[in-house]
């Protein structure tokens, strides 16, 4: 798994990269999904406290959603603001 702080363009050339808009064509494959964080949300009052990063288009029309669970959240700081409007 590639950390969110790395740009898709910084990855090794042999890594299988997929734009968020094409993920539906690659179900079941291992790959790095790349996209622009168009919207985000942290559900702090939910039991599992997930953070959602919606790629390319805002929710509910997003192409792909990255989910960061509460136990991993500290690795990313405040991802809902840190990655908003950035390419990951």
PDB file of N, CA and C in Angstrom:
ATOM      1  N   UNK A   1       0.844  -1.172   0.000  1.00  0.00           N
ATOM      2  CA  UNK A   1       0.000   0.000   0.000  1.00  0.00           C
ATOM      3  C   UNK A   1       0.892   1.238   0.000  1.00  0.00           C
ATOM      4  N   UNK A   2       0.554   2.213  -0.812  1.00  0.00           N
ATOM      5  CA  UNK A   2       1.326   3.440  -0.944  1.00  0.00           C
ATOM      6  C   UNK A   2       0.745   4.492  -0.006  1.00  0.00           C
ATOM      7  N   UNK A   3       1.589   5.176   0.782  1.00  0.00           N
ATOM      8  CA  UNK A   3       1.081   6.231   1.654  1.00  0.00           C
ATOM      9  C   UNK A   3       0.404   7.328   0.838  1.00  0.00           C
ATOM     10  N   UNK A   4      -0.615   7.959   1.395  1.00  0.00           N
ATOM     11  CA  UNK A   4      -1.340   9.004   0.689  1.00  0.00           C
ATOM     12  C   UNK A   4      -0.470  10.204   0.360  1.00  0.00           C
ATOM     13  N   UNK A   5       0.629  10.370   1.067  1.00  0.00           N
ATOM     14  CA  UNK A   5       1.462  11.539   0.835  1.00  0.00           C
ATOM     15  C   UNK A   5       2.259  11.452  -0.460  1.00  0.00           C
ATOM     16  N   UNK A   6       2.279  10.289  -1.085  1.00  0.00           N
ATOM     17  CA  UNK A   6       3.012  10.130  -2.337  1.00  0.00           C
ATOM     18  C   UNK A   6       2.096  10.412  -3.517  1.00  0.00           C
ATOM     19  N   UNK A   7       2.597  11.156  -4.455  1.00  0.00           N
ATOM     20  CA  UNK A   7       1.862  11.397  -5.683  1.00  0.00           C
ATOM     21  C   UNK A   7       1.951  10.158  -6.551  1.00  0.00           C
ATOM     22  N   UNK A   8       0.951   9.941  -7.363  1.00  0.00           N
ATOM     23  CA  UNK A   8       0.989   8.806  -8.287  1.00  0.00           C
ATOM     24  C   UNK A   8       2.165   8.925  -9.229  1.00  0.00           C
ATOM     25  N   UNK A   9       2.584  10.127  -9.499  1.00  0.00           N
ATOM     26  CA  UNK A   9       3.687  10.343 -10.421  1.00  0.00           C
ATOM     27  C   UNK A   9       5.038  10.024  -9.791  1.00  0.00           C
ATOM     28  N   UNK A  10       5.067   9.901  -8.468  1.00  0.00           N
ATOM     29  CA  UNK A  10       6.304   9.585  -7.764  1.00  0.00           C
ATOM     30  C   UNK A  10       6.513   8.084  -7.618  1.00  0.00           C
ATOM     31  N   UNK A  11       5.524   7.293  -7.965  1.00  0.00           N
ATOM     32  CA  UNK A  11       5.603   5.856  -7.788  1.00  0.00           C
ATOM     33  C   UNK A  11       6.503   5.215  -8.831  1.00  0.00           C
ATOM     34  N   UNK A  12       6.988   4.051  -8.516  1.00  0.00           N
ATOM     35  CA  UNK A  12       7.831   3.314  -9.456  1.00  0.00           C
ATOM     36  C   UNK A  12       7.052   3.007 -10.725  1.00  0.00           C
ATOM     37  N   UNK A  13       7.735   2.990 -11.846  1.00  0.00           N
ATOM     38  CA  UNK A  13       7.068   2.784 -13.120  1.00  0.00           C
ATOM     39  C   UNK A  13       6.424   1.408 -13.228  1.00  0.00           C
ATOM     40  N   UNK A  14       6.919   0.425 -12.491  1.00  0.00           N
ATOM     41  CA  UNK A  14       6.333  -0.914 -12.584  1.00  0.00           C
ATOM     42  C   UNK A  14       5.083  -1.070 -11.720  1.00  0.00           C
ATOM     43  N   UNK A  15       4.712  -0.055 -10.971  1.00  0.00           N
ATOM     44  CA  UNK A  15       3.502  -0.093 -10.164  1.00  0.00           C
ATOM     45  C   UNK A  15       2.292   0.087 -11.078  1.00  0.00           C
ATOM     46  N   UNK A  16       1.268  -0.728 -10.878  1.00  0.00           N
ATOM     47  CA  UNK A  16       0.055  -0.662 -11.678  1.00  0.00           C
ATOM     48  C   UNK A  16      -0.809   0.478 -11.145  1.00  0.00           C
ATOM     49  N   UNK A  17      -0.907   1.585 -11.890  1.00  0.00           N
ATOM     50  CA  UNK A  17      -1.654   2.761 -11.469  1.00  0.00           C
ATOM     51  C   UNK A  17      -2.935   2.902 -12.269  1.00  0.00           C
ATOM     52  N   UNK A  18      -4.012   3.248 -11.570  1.00  0.00           N
ATOM     53  CA  UNK A  18      -5.316   3.395 -12.202  1.00  0.00           C
ATOM     54  C   UNK A  18      -5.908   4.741 -11.788  1.00  0.00           C
ATOM     55  N   UNK A  19      -6.365   5.549 -12.744  1.00  0.00           N
ATOM     56  CA  UNK A  19      -7.098   6.756 -12.373  1.00  0.00           C
ATOM     57  C   UNK A  19      -8.411   6.368 -11.694  1.00  0.00           C
ATOM     58  N   UNK A  20      -8.851   7.155 -10.739  1.00  0.00           N
ATOM     59  CA  UNK A  20     -10.086   6.851 -10.009  1.00  0.00           C
ATOM     60  C   UNK A  20     -11.254   6.619 -10.965  1.00  0.00           C
ATOM     61  N   UNK A  21     -11.290   7.332 -12.060  1.00  0.00           N
ATOM     62  CA  UNK A  21     -12.396   7.212 -13.017  1.00  0.00           C
ATOM     63  C   UNK A  21     -12.442   5.857 -13.722  1.00  0.00           C
ATOM     64  N   UNK A  22     -11.359   5.076 -13.644  1.00  0.00           N
ATOM     65  CA  UNK A  22     -11.300   3.791 -14.344  1.00  0.00           C
ATOM     66  C   UNK A  22     -11.334   2.576 -13.410  1.00  0.00           C
ATOM     67  N   UNK A  23     -11.564   2.786 -12.127  1.00  0.00           N
ATOM     68  CA  UNK A  23     -11.503   1.677 -11.177  1.00  0.00           C
ATOM     69  C   UNK A  23     -12.542   0.595 -11.449  1.00  0.00           C
ATOM     70  N   UNK A  24     -13.684   0.957 -11.958  1.00  0.00           N
ATOM     71  CA  UNK A  24     -14.722  -0.024 -12.251  1.00  0.00           C
ATOM     72  C   UNK A  24     -14.299  -1.047 -13.286  1.00  0.00           C
ATOM     73  N   UNK A  25     -13.320  -0.704 -14.095  1.00  0.00           N
ATOM     74  CA  UNK A  25     -12.813  -1.603 -15.128  1.00  0.00           C
ATOM     75  C   UNK A  25     -11.707  -2.519 -14.603  1.00  0.00           C
ATOM     76  N   UNK A  26     -11.338  -2.360 -13.327  1.00  0.00           N
ATOM     77  CA  UNK A  26     -10.206  -3.103 -12.772  1.00  0.00           C
ATOM     78  C   UNK A  26     -10.548  -3.807 -11.458  1.00  0.00           C
ATOM     79  N   UNK A  27     -11.804  -4.162 -11.267  1.00  0.00           N
ATOM     80  CA  UNK A  27     -12.236  -4.841 -10.048  1.00  0.00           C
ATOM     81  C   UNK A  27     -11.473  -6.158  -9.904  1.00  0.00           C
ATOM     82  N   UNK A  28     -10.944  -6.410  -8.723  1.00  0.00           N
ATOM     83  CA  UNK A  28     -10.217  -7.641  -8.441  1.00  0.00           C
ATOM     84  C   UNK A  28      -8.721  -7.549  -8.673  1.00  0.00           C
ATOM     85  N   UNK A  29      -8.248  -6.445  -9.225  1.00  0.00           N
ATOM     86  CA  UNK A  29      -6.819  -6.259  -9.475  1.00  0.00           C
ATOM     87  C   UNK A  29      -6.171  -5.529  -8.302  1.00  0.00           C
ATOM     88  N   UNK A  30      -4.870  -5.760  -8.120  1.00  0.00           N
ATOM     89  CA  UNK A  30      -4.087  -4.990  -7.150  1.00  0.00           C
ATOM     90  C   UNK A  30      -3.478  -3.817  -7.909  1.00  0.00           C
ATOM     91  N   UNK A  31      -3.720  -2.608  -7.425  1.00  0.00           N
ATOM     92  CA  UNK A  31      -3.225  -1.424  -8.116  1.00  0.00           C
ATOM     93  C   UNK A  31      -3.227  -0.233  -7.171  1.00  0.00           C
ATOM     94  N   UNK A  32      -2.575   0.825  -7.597  1.00  0.00           N
ATOM     95  CA  UNK A  32      -2.615   2.101  -6.899  1.00  0.00           C
ATOM     96  C   UNK A  32      -3.647   2.968  -7.598  1.00  0.00           C
ATOM     97  N   UNK A  33      -4.619   3.464  -6.839  1.00  0.00           N
ATOM     98  CA  UNK A  33      -5.658   4.330  -7.397  1.00  0.00           C
ATOM     99  C   UNK A  33      -5.235   5.774  -7.169  1.00  0.00           C
ATOM    100  N   UNK A  34      -5.287   6.557  -8.233  1.00  0.00           N
ATOM    101  CA  UNK A  34      -4.878   7.961  -8.181  1.00  0.00           C
ATOM    102  C   UNK A  34      -6.071   8.856  -8.475  1.00  0.00           C
ATOM    103  N   UNK A  35      -6.132   9.979  -7.776  1.00  0.00           N
ATOM    104  CA  UNK A  35      -7.217  10.912  -8.053  1.00  0.00           C
ATOM    105  C   UNK A  35      -7.133  12.172  -7.232  1.00  0.00           C
ATOM    106  N   UNK A  36      -8.033  13.084  -7.540  1.00  0.00           N
ATOM    107  CA  UNK A  36      -8.152  14.382  -6.885  1.00  0.00           C
ATOM    108  C   UNK A  36      -9.203  14.272  -5.784  1.00  0.00           C
ATOM    109  N   UNK A  37      -8.865  14.679  -4.576  1.00  0.00           N
ATOM    110  CA  UNK A  37      -9.817  14.605  -3.459  1.00  0.00           C
ATOM    111  C   UNK A  37     -10.794  15.781  -3.590  1.00  0.00           C
ATOM    112  N   UNK A  38     -11.969  15.469  -4.129  1.00  0.00           N
ATOM    113  CA  UNK A  38     -12.977  16.485  -4.403  1.00  0.00           C
ATOM    114  C   UNK A  38     -13.843  16.807  -3.179  1.00  0.00           C
ATOM    115  N   UNK A  39     -14.003  15.835  -2.288  1.00  0.00           N
ATOM    116  CA  UNK A  39     -14.734  16.071  -1.047  1.00  0.00           C
ATOM    117  C   UNK A  39     -14.266  15.066  -0.008  1.00  0.00           C
ATOM    118  N   UNK A  40     -14.539  15.376   1.244  1.00  0.00           N
ATOM    119  CA  UNK A  40     -14.115  14.493   2.330  1.00  0.00           C
ATOM    120  C   UNK A  40     -15.075  14.640   3.504  1.00  0.00           C
ATOM    121  N   UNK A  41     -15.014  13.643   4.386  1.00  0.00           N
ATOM    122  CA  UNK A  41     -15.870  13.698   5.570  1.00  0.00           C
ATOM    123  C   UNK A  41     -15.317  12.781   6.650  1.00  0.00           C
ATOM    124  N   UNK A  42     -15.288  13.282   7.864  1.00  0.00           N
ATOM    125  CA  UNK A  42     -14.891  12.503   9.031  1.00  0.00           C
ATOM    126  C   UNK A  42     -16.130  12.293   9.884  1.00  0.00           C
ATOM    127  N   UNK A  43     -16.514  11.059  10.109  1.00  0.00           N
ATOM    128  CA  UNK A  43     -17.688  10.748  10.913  1.00  0.00           C
ATOM    129  C   UNK A  43     -17.251  10.475  12.349  1.00  0.00           C
ATOM    130  N   UNK A  44     -16.955  11.514  13.068  1.00  0.00           N
ATOM    131  CA  UNK A  44     -16.411  11.408  14.420  1.00  0.00           C
ATOM    132  C   UNK A  44     -17.399  10.830  15.431  1.00  0.00           C
ATOM    133  N   UNK A  45     -18.680  10.900  15.150  1.00  0.00           N
ATOM    134  CA  UNK A  45     -19.669  10.370  16.093  1.00  0.00           C
ATOM    135  C   UNK A  45     -20.102   8.949  15.742  1.00  0.00           C
ATOM    136  N   UNK A  46     -19.633   8.432  14.628  1.00  0.00           N
ATOM    137  CA  UNK A  46     -19.938   7.058  14.237  1.00  0.00           C
ATOM    138  C   UNK A  46     -19.129   6.090  15.097  1.00  0.00           C
ATOM    139  N   UNK A  47     -19.621   4.883  15.263  1.00  0.00           N
ATOM    140  CA  UNK A  47     -18.938   3.881  16.094  1.00  0.00           C
ATOM    141  C   UNK A  47     -17.518   3.601  15.588  1.00  0.00           C
ATOM    142  N   UNK A  48     -17.333   3.442  14.297  1.00  0.00           N
ATOM    143  CA  UNK A  48     -16.016   3.108  13.738  1.00  0.00           C
ATOM    144  C   UNK A  48     -15.220   4.344  13.310  1.00  0.00           C
ATOM    145  N   UNK A  49     -15.805   5.519  13.384  1.00  0.00           N
ATOM    146  CA  UNK A  49     -15.172   6.803  13.089  1.00  0.00           C
ATOM    147  C   UNK A  49     -14.368   6.816  11.783  1.00  0.00           C
ATOM    148  N   UNK A  50     -14.999   6.471  10.668  1.00  0.00           N
ATOM    149  CA  UNK A  50     -14.264   6.483   9.402  1.00  0.00           C
ATOM    150  C   UNK A  50     -14.077   7.889   8.847  1.00  0.00           C
ATOM    151  N   UNK A  51     -13.043   8.028   8.033  1.00  0.00           N
ATOM    152  CA  UNK A  51     -12.825   9.238   7.248  1.00  0.00           C
ATOM    153  C   UNK A  51     -12.954   8.828   5.793  1.00  0.00           C
ATOM    154  N   UNK A  52     -13.730   9.580   5.029  1.00  0.00           N
ATOM    155  CA  UNK A  52     -13.943   9.291   3.617  1.00  0.00           C
ATOM    156  C   UNK A  52     -13.295  10.377   2.764  1.00  0.00           C
ATOM    157  N   UNK A  53     -12.507   9.960   1.786  1.00  0.00           N
ATOM    158  CA  UNK A  53     -11.918  10.870   0.805  1.00  0.00           C
ATOM    159  C   UNK A  53     -12.510  10.474  -0.545  1.00  0.00           C
ATOM    160  N   UNK A  54     -13.304  11.344  -1.130  1.00  0.00           N
ATOM    161  CA  UNK A  54     -13.995  11.054  -2.388  1.00  0.00           C
ATOM    162  C   UNK A  54     -13.196  11.618  -3.552  1.00  0.00           C
ATOM    163  N   UNK A  55     -12.839  10.732  -4.479  1.00  0.00           N
ATOM    164  CA  UNK A  55     -11.938  11.113  -5.561  1.00  0.00           C
ATOM    165  C   UNK A  55     -12.671  11.552  -6.828  1.00  0.00           C
ATOM    166  N   UNK A  56     -12.101  12.575  -7.433  1.00  0.00           N
ATOM    167  CA  UNK A  56     -12.461  13.162  -8.726  1.00  0.00           C
ATOM    168  C   UNK A  56     -13.747  13.978  -8.730  1.00  0.00           C
ATOM    169  N   UNK A  57     -14.799  13.493  -8.081  1.00  0.00           N
ATOM    170  CA  UNK A  57     -16.051  14.247  -7.978  1.00  0.00           C
ATOM    171  C   UNK A  57     -16.538  14.156  -6.538  1.00  0.00           C
ATOM    172  N   UNK A  58     -17.218  15.191  -6.061  1.00  0.00           N
ATOM    173  CA  UNK A  58     -17.724  15.135  -4.690  1.00  0.00           C
ATOM    174  C   UNK A  58     -18.811  14.083  -4.515  1.00  0.00           C
ATOM    175  N   UNK A  59     -18.957  13.607  -3.270  1.00  0.00           N
ATOM    176  CA  UNK A  59     -20.053  12.715  -2.893  1.00  0.00           C
ATOM    177  C   UNK A  59     -21.373  13.399  -3.245  1.00  0.00           C
ATOM    178  N   UNK A  60     -22.318  12.723  -3.816  1.00  0.00           N
ATOM    179  CA  UNK A  60     -22.485  11.290  -4.007  1.00  0.00           C
ATOM    180  C   UNK A  60     -22.087  10.796  -5.408  1.00  0.00           C
ATOM    181  N   UNK A  61     -21.394  11.598  -6.155  1.00  0.00           N
ATOM    182  CA  UNK A  61     -21.032  11.230  -7.530  1.00  0.00           C
ATOM    183  C   UNK A  61     -19.567  10.860  -7.687  1.00  0.00           C
ATOM    184  N   UNK A  62     -18.884  10.570  -6.599  1.00  0.00           N
ATOM    185  CA  UNK A  62     -17.465  10.258  -6.624  1.00  0.00           C
ATOM    186  C   UNK A  62     -17.159   9.049  -7.492  1.00  0.00           C
ATOM    187  N   UNK A  63     -15.938   9.030  -8.046  1.00  0.00           N
ATOM    188  CA  UNK A  63     -15.496   7.876  -8.834  1.00  0.00           C
ATOM    189  C   UNK A  63     -14.962   6.767  -7.945  1.00  0.00           C
ATOM    190  N   UNK A  64     -14.402   7.142  -6.794  1.00  0.00           N
ATOM    191  CA  UNK A  64     -13.776   6.178  -5.884  1.00  0.00           C
ATOM    192  C   UNK A  64     -13.718   6.818  -4.511  1.00  0.00           C
ATOM    193  N   UNK A  65     -13.858   6.017  -3.466  1.00  0.00           N
ATOM    194  CA  UNK A  65     -13.762   6.539  -2.101  1.00  0.00           C
ATOM    195  C   UNK A  65     -12.672   5.814  -1.344  1.00  0.00           C
ATOM    196  N   UNK A  66     -11.783   6.582  -0.755  1.00  0.00           N
ATOM    197  CA  UNK A  66     -10.758   6.057   0.146  1.00  0.00           C
ATOM    198  C   UNK A  66     -11.362   6.104   1.550  1.00  0.00           C
ATOM    199  N   UNK A  67     -11.251   5.002   2.297  1.00  0.00           N
ATOM    200  CA  UNK A  67     -11.751   4.966   3.671  1.00  0.00           C
ATOM    201  C   UNK A  67     -10.562   4.786   4.605  1.00  0.00           C
ATOM    202  N   UNK A  68     -10.458   5.673   5.578  1.00  0.00           N
ATOM    203  CA  UNK A  68      -9.420   5.574   6.608  1.00  0.00           C
ATOM    204  C   UNK A  68     -10.141   5.317   7.927  1.00  0.00           C
ATOM    205  N   UNK A  69      -9.890   4.162   8.524  1.00  0.00           N
ATOM    206  CA  UNK A  69     -10.549   3.791   9.778  1.00  0.00           C
ATOM    207  C   UNK A  69      -9.869   4.473  10.953  1.00  0.00           C
ATOM    208  N   UNK A  70     -10.578   4.609  12.044  1.00  0.00           N
ATOM    209  CA  UNK A  70     -10.105   5.354  13.214  1.00  0.00           C
ATOM    210  C   UNK A  70      -8.747   4.873  13.729  1.00  0.00           C
ATOM    211  N   UNK A  71      -8.498   3.556  13.680  1.00  0.00           N
ATOM    212  CA  UNK A  71      -7.229   3.041  14.203  1.00  0.00           C
ATOM    213  C   UNK A  71      -6.028   3.458  13.335  1.00  0.00           C
ATOM    214  N   UNK A  72      -6.270   3.878  12.113  1.00  0.00           N
ATOM    215  CA  UNK A  72      -5.189   4.333  11.227  1.00  0.00           C
ATOM    216  C   UNK A  72      -5.155   5.837  11.058  1.00  0.00           C
ATOM    217  N   UNK A  73      -6.133   6.524  11.564  1.00  0.00           N
ATOM    218  CA  UNK A  73      -6.286   7.961  11.351  1.00  0.00           C
ATOM    219  C   UNK A  73      -5.081   8.782  11.792  1.00  0.00           C
ATOM    220  N   UNK A  74      -4.471   8.437  12.908  1.00  0.00           N
ATOM    221  CA  UNK A  74      -3.330   9.220  13.410  1.00  0.00           C
ATOM    222  C   UNK A  74      -2.145   9.194  12.450  1.00  0.00           C
ATOM    223  N   UNK A  75      -2.055   8.194  11.590  1.00  0.00           N
ATOM    224  CA  UNK A  75      -0.974   8.118  10.598  1.00  0.00           C
ATOM    225  C   UNK A  75      -1.116   9.207   9.536  1.00  0.00           C
ATOM    226  N   UNK A  76      -2.311   9.785   9.408  1.00  0.00           N
ATOM    227  CA  UNK A  76      -2.599  10.742   8.347  1.00  0.00           C
ATOM    228  C   UNK A  76      -2.891  12.150   8.847  1.00  0.00           C
ATOM    229  N   UNK A  77      -2.794  12.370  10.145  1.00  0.00           N
ATOM    230  CA  UNK A  77      -3.121  13.689  10.681  1.00  0.00           C
ATOM    231  C   UNK A  77      -4.623  13.901  10.622  1.00  0.00           C
ATOM    232  N   UNK A  78      -5.061  14.962   9.976  1.00  0.00           N
ATOM    233  CA  UNK A  78      -6.478  15.232   9.747  1.00  0.00           C
ATOM    234  C   UNK A  78      -6.730  15.098   8.248  1.00  0.00           C
ATOM    235  N   UNK A  79      -6.882  13.865   7.760  1.00  0.00           N
ATOM    236  CA  UNK A  79      -6.945  13.635   6.311  1.00  0.00           C
ATOM    237  C   UNK A  79      -8.079  14.362   5.604  1.00  0.00           C
ATOM    238  N   UNK A  80      -9.205  14.591   6.304  1.00  0.00           N
ATOM    239  CA  UNK A  80     -10.334  15.262   5.664  1.00  0.00           C
ATOM    240  C   UNK A  80     -10.007  16.690   5.258  1.00  0.00           C
ATOM    241  N   UNK A  81      -9.035  17.307   5.910  1.00  0.00           N
ATOM    242  CA  UNK A  81      -8.603  18.654   5.507  1.00  0.00           C
ATOM    243  C   UNK A  81      -7.222  18.631   4.842  1.00  0.00           C
ATOM    244  N   UNK A  82      -6.348  17.762   5.306  1.00  0.00           N
ATOM    245  CA  UNK A  82      -4.982  17.697   4.777  1.00  0.00           C
ATOM    246  C   UNK A  82      -4.929  17.333   3.289  1.00  0.00           C
ATOM    247  N   UNK A  83      -5.811  16.451   2.843  1.00  0.00           N
ATOM    248  CA  UNK A  83      -5.775  15.964   1.453  1.00  0.00           C
ATOM    249  C   UNK A  83      -6.862  16.578   0.578  1.00  0.00           C
ATOM    250  N   UNK A  84      -7.790  17.350   1.167  1.00  0.00           N
ATOM    251  CA  UNK A  84      -8.862  17.956   0.400  1.00  0.00           C
ATOM    252  C   UNK A  84      -8.293  18.872  -0.683  1.00  0.00           C
ATOM    253  N   UNK A  85      -8.779  18.717  -1.895  1.00  0.00           N
ATOM    254  CA  UNK A  85      -8.375  19.491  -3.077  1.00  0.00           C
ATOM    255  C   UNK A  85      -6.930  19.231  -3.474  1.00  0.00           C
ATOM    256  N   UNK A  86      -6.467  18.007  -3.217  1.00  0.00           N
ATOM    257  CA  UNK A  86      -5.112  17.599  -3.620  1.00  0.00           C
ATOM    258  C   UNK A  86      -5.181  16.296  -4.389  1.00  0.00           C
ATOM    259  N   UNK A  87      -4.184  16.071  -5.214  1.00  0.00           N
ATOM    260  CA  UNK A  87      -4.046  14.787  -5.915  1.00  0.00           C
ATOM    261  C   UNK A  87      -3.331  13.812  -5.015  1.00  0.00           C
ATOM    262  N   UNK A  88      -3.905  12.633  -4.908  1.00  0.00           N
ATOM    263  CA  UNK A  88      -3.266  11.578  -4.106  1.00  0.00           C
ATOM    264  C   UNK A  88      -3.155  10.325  -4.942  1.00  0.00           C
TER     265      UNK A  88
END
